[in-house]
Amino acid sequence: MKIRTKNILFVTLISALACITSCDLFSTRDAEIPTQPRSNLPQAFERETLINNFILSHRDKTLFDYLNSFSDSIFAGKKFTFIASSEAASQYPALNDNWDLKSEGDYFKNIVSESQDVPITVTLSDSKFSQQGDSVIYTATYFITVHFTNTGVPQTYHGNLIFHIFRDNSLIWRIFFWQDFKSGDLPSWSELKGRFAN
């Protein structure tokens, strides 16, 4: 009986040692790279925060923060739609080909990669929020300035925009509809998007 107990104890001890040395149970691991980018901007629990985050994402040239301003049909339930100014729509066919969130991301990456190492500035004025059903309409006059490395490309764009915004299931405000209008002699935001589509 004593021999059997000693054998069981010996086998258990050997198994435990083998497991501890081969499994590295007590060793530290290397830090893992996050799989998802993180934002330094606050969540848009207020509609004003959404607009401010939209502006700051341009200044910081952060794709993640920029796209986080928009509705994703998979997570938020509403598909993002962009309606270009009529002048740009006739000049840039890509703006008429079901412009979606991916198109928006591609355009943003392109302007960031083609711009100088200075912030993109977005100025919104004459802005107004108005309630319409379960969403809010935001209207504003805009100027966007991008200092491109190619000085032949216009740097400043001007017009009027309409955003339809709503709260998603997480109560975060998102833009699900954007309509652009040209105003005056400067090119519109639609022209900027058309020029840097794809």
Protein backbone atom coordinates (compact mmCIF):
# COMPACT_ATOMS: atom_id res chain seq x y z
CA MET A 1 0.00 0.00 0.00
CA LYS A 2 2.87 2.38 0.86
CA ILE A 3 4.60 1.66 -2.46
CA ARG A 4 1.41 2.38 -4.38
CA THR A 5 0.94 5.71 -2.59
CA LYS A 6 4.58 6.60 -3.23
CA ASN A 7 4.18 5.77 -6.94
CA ILE A 8 1.03 7.91 -7.23
CA LEU A 9 2.73 10.75 -5.39
CA PHE A 10 5.83 10.43 -7.61
CA VAL A 11 3.79 10.39 -10.84
CA THR A 12 1.71 13.39 -9.68
CA LEU A 13 4.85 15.34 -8.74
CA ILE A 14 6.54 14.60 -12.10
CA SER A 15 3.36 15.55 -14.01
CA ALA A 16 3.03 18.81 -12.10
CA LEU A 17 6.67 19.75 -12.72
CA ALA A 18 6.39 18.91 -16.40
CA CYS A 19 3.26 21.06 -16.72
CA ILE A 20 4.78 24.01 -14.88
CA THR A 21 8.01 24.01 -16.90
CA SER A 22 6.42 23.39 -20.29
CA CYS A 23 3.40 25.68 -19.97
CA ASP A 24 5.23 28.74 -18.64
CA LEU A 25 2.39 29.33 -16.22
CA PHE A 26 4.38 31.73 -14.10
CA SER A 27 6.23 33.66 -16.78
CA THR A 28 5.18 37.13 -17.93
CA ARG A 29 3.88 37.67 -21.46
CA ASP A 30 4.79 40.35 -23.92
CA ALA A 31 2.25 43.15 -24.27
CA GLU A 32 -0.18 42.61 -27.13
CA ILE A 33 -0.82 45.23 -29.76
CA PRO A 34 -4.46 46.38 -29.57
CA THR A 35 -6.57 44.97 -32.39
CA GLN A 36 -8.75 48.06 -32.55
CA PRO A 37 -7.51 51.64 -32.62
CA ARG A 38 -8.46 53.83 -29.68
CA SER A 39 -9.75 57.34 -29.79
CA ASN A 40 -8.63 60.24 -27.64
CA LEU A 41 -11.93 61.99 -28.38
CA PRO A 42 -14.93 61.69 -26.07
CA GLN A 43 -17.90 59.55 -27.08
CA ALA A 44 -20.57 61.70 -28.73
CA PHE A 45 -23.30 61.39 -26.11
CA GLU A 46 -24.21 65.01 -26.95
CA ARG A 47 -24.89 66.20 -30.49
CA GLU A 48 -22.46 69.11 -30.07
CA THR A 49 -19.73 66.60 -29.19
CA LEU A 50 -20.37 64.79 -32.49
CA ILE A 51 -19.82 68.00 -34.47
CA ASN A 52 -16.72 68.87 -32.45
CA ASN A 53 -15.30 65.35 -32.95
CA PHE A 54 -15.94 65.67 -36.68
CA ILE A 55 -13.89 68.89 -36.74
CA LEU A 56 -11.12 67.47 -34.53
CA SER A 57 -10.80 64.30 -36.63
CA HIS A 58 -9.80 66.55 -39.54
CA ARG A 59 -7.38 68.57 -37.45
CA ASP A 60 -5.76 65.38 -36.12
CA LYS A 61 -6.09 63.56 -39.48
CA THR A 62 -7.40 60.47 -37.68
CA LEU A 63 -9.33 58.05 -39.89
CA PHE A 64 -10.75 56.09 -36.93
CA ASP A 65 -12.19 59.24 -35.32
CA TYR A 66 -13.46 60.52 -38.67
CA LEU A 67 -15.34 57.31 -39.49
CA ASN A 68 -16.59 57.10 -35.91
CA SER A 69 -18.68 60.20 -36.69
CA PHE A 70 -20.77 58.26 -39.20
CA SER A 71 -23.46 55.62 -39.01
CA ASP A 72 -22.42 52.09 -39.83
CA SER A 73 -25.42 50.06 -41.01
CA ILE A 74 -24.05 46.90 -39.39
CA PHE A 75 -23.77 48.37 -35.89
CA ALA A 76 -26.05 51.39 -35.93
CA GLY A 77 -28.86 50.21 -38.18
CA LYS A 78 -28.79 53.17 -40.57
CA LYS A 79 -26.76 53.25 -43.77
CA PHE A 80 -24.64 56.34 -44.38
CA THR A 81 -25.63 58.37 -47.45
CA PHE A 82 -23.84 61.30 -49.08
CA ILE A 83 -25.53 63.55 -51.65
CA ALA A 84 -23.03 65.64 -53.60
CA SER A 85 -23.58 69.16 -54.87
CA SER A 86 -25.08 69.09 -58.35
CA GLU A 87 -21.98 70.69 -59.92
CA ALA A 88 -19.66 68.05 -58.45
CA ALA A 89 -22.02 65.16 -59.19
CA SER A 90 -21.91 65.99 -62.89
CA GLN A 91 -18.12 66.41 -62.86
CA TYR A 92 -17.15 63.36 -60.73
CA PRO A 93 -19.09 60.14 -61.52
CA ALA A 94 -17.69 58.38 -58.41
CA LEU A 95 -19.93 60.61 -56.29
CA ASN A 96 -23.01 59.07 -57.93
CA ASP A 97 -21.93 55.43 -57.58
CA ASN A 98 -23.49 54.58 -54.20
CA TRP A 99 -21.07 56.63 -52.11
CA ASP A 100 -20.90 54.84 -48.76
CA LEU A 101 -18.85 54.63 -45.59
CA LYS A 102 -15.99 52.85 -47.38
CA SER A 103 -15.93 55.61 -50.02
CA GLU A 104 -15.84 58.16 -47.21
CA GLY A 105 -12.88 56.42 -45.59
CA ASP A 106 -10.99 56.11 -48.88
CA TYR A 107 -11.47 59.81 -49.64
CA PHE A 108 -10.28 60.80 -46.15
CA LYS A 109 -7.17 58.59 -46.35
CA ASN A 110 -6.36 60.13 -49.74
CA ILE A 111 -6.57 63.77 -48.60
CA VAL A 112 -4.50 62.97 -45.51
CA SER A 113 -1.79 61.24 -47.55
CA GLU A 114 -1.67 64.09 -50.10
CA SER A 115 -1.59 66.91 -47.56
CA GLN A 116 1.33 68.69 -45.93
CA ASP A 117 2.21 68.05 -42.31
CA VAL A 118 -0.19 70.68 -40.98
CA PRO A 119 -3.73 70.26 -39.65
CA ILE A 120 -6.76 70.23 -41.92
CA THR A 121 -9.05 73.00 -40.73
CA VAL A 122 -12.83 72.81 -40.78
CA THR A 123 -14.79 75.91 -39.81
CA LEU A 124 -18.56 75.70 -39.38
CA SER A 125 -20.69 78.82 -38.97
CA ASP A 126 -24.38 79.77 -38.98
CA SER A 127 -25.00 76.31 -37.56
CA LYS A 128 -28.38 75.16 -36.32
CA PHE A 129 -29.92 71.97 -34.90
CA SER A 130 -33.60 71.17 -35.49
CA GLN A 131 -35.54 68.12 -34.40
CA GLN A 132 -37.25 65.99 -37.06
CA GLY A 133 -38.88 62.81 -35.80
CA ASP A 134 -36.30 60.46 -34.27
CA SER A 135 -33.37 62.34 -35.80
CA VAL A 136 -31.93 65.85 -35.76
CA ILE A 137 -31.03 68.01 -38.74
CA TYR A 138 -27.84 70.03 -38.46
CA THR A 139 -27.19 72.79 -41.00
CA ALA A 140 -24.07 74.93 -41.36
CA THR A 141 -21.93 76.97 -43.69
CA TYR A 142 -18.44 75.49 -43.98
CA PHE A 143 -14.90 76.23 -44.99
CA ILE A 144 -12.41 73.37 -45.17
CA THR A 145 -8.74 74.09 -45.83
CA VAL A 146 -6.30 71.36 -46.80
CA HIS A 147 -2.68 72.29 -47.50
CA PHE A 148 -1.83 69.83 -50.28
CA THR A 149 1.70 68.97 -51.29
CA ASN A 150 0.60 69.63 -54.88
CA THR A 151 0.04 73.38 -54.89
CA GLY A 152 -2.00 73.10 -58.10
CA VAL A 153 -4.87 71.54 -56.14
CA PRO A 154 -7.30 74.04 -54.55
CA GLN A 155 -6.63 74.43 -50.82
CA THR A 156 -9.94 75.91 -49.62
CA TYR A 157 -13.50 74.63 -50.15
CA HIS A 158 -16.73 76.37 -49.21
CA GLY A 159 -20.43 75.69 -49.16
CA ASN A 160 -23.38 74.65 -47.04
CA LEU A 161 -24.04 71.26 -45.54
CA ILE A 162 -26.96 69.38 -44.06
CA PHE A 163 -26.34 66.49 -41.67
CA HIS A 164 -29.08 64.19 -40.46
CA ILE A 165 -27.90 62.76 -37.15
CA PHE A 166 -29.37 60.22 -34.74
CA ARG A 167 -28.55 58.30 -31.59
CA ASP A 168 -27.54 54.71 -32.18
CA ASN A 169 -28.28 51.80 -29.82
CA SER A 170 -25.40 52.91 -27.57
CA LEU A 171 -26.93 56.43 -27.36
CA ILE A 172 -24.01 57.84 -29.37
CA TRP A 173 -24.82 60.51 -31.97
CA ARG A 174 -23.85 59.61 -35.56
CA ILE A 175 -24.22 61.23 -38.99
CA PHE A 176 -26.29 59.05 -41.33
CA PHE A 177 -27.03 61.56 -44.11
CA TRP A 178 -24.89 64.36 -45.54
CA GLN A 179 -25.99 66.69 -48.32
CA ASP A 180 -23.62 69.26 -49.76
CA PHE A 181 -24.36 72.53 -51.57
CA LYS A 182 -21.93 74.76 -53.45
CA SER A 183 -21.94 78.40 -52.41
CA GLY A 184 -19.99 81.08 -54.25
CA ASP A 185 -16.90 80.76 -56.40
CA LEU A 186 -14.82 78.38 -54.26
CA PRO A 187 -15.09 74.65 -54.95
CA SER A 188 -17.42 72.65 -52.69
CA TRP A 189 -16.65 69.79 -50.31
CA SER A 190 -18.18 67.48 -52.93
CA GLU A 191 -15.53 68.59 -55.41
CA LEU A 192 -12.85 67.79 -52.84
CA LYS A 193 -14.36 64.32 -52.34
CA GLY A 194 -14.72 63.76 -56.07
CA ARG A 195 -11.12 64.76 -56.74
CA PHE A 196 -9.81 62.36 -54.08
CA ALA A 197 -12.28 59.48 -54.49
CA ASN A 198 -10.76 55.98 -54.78
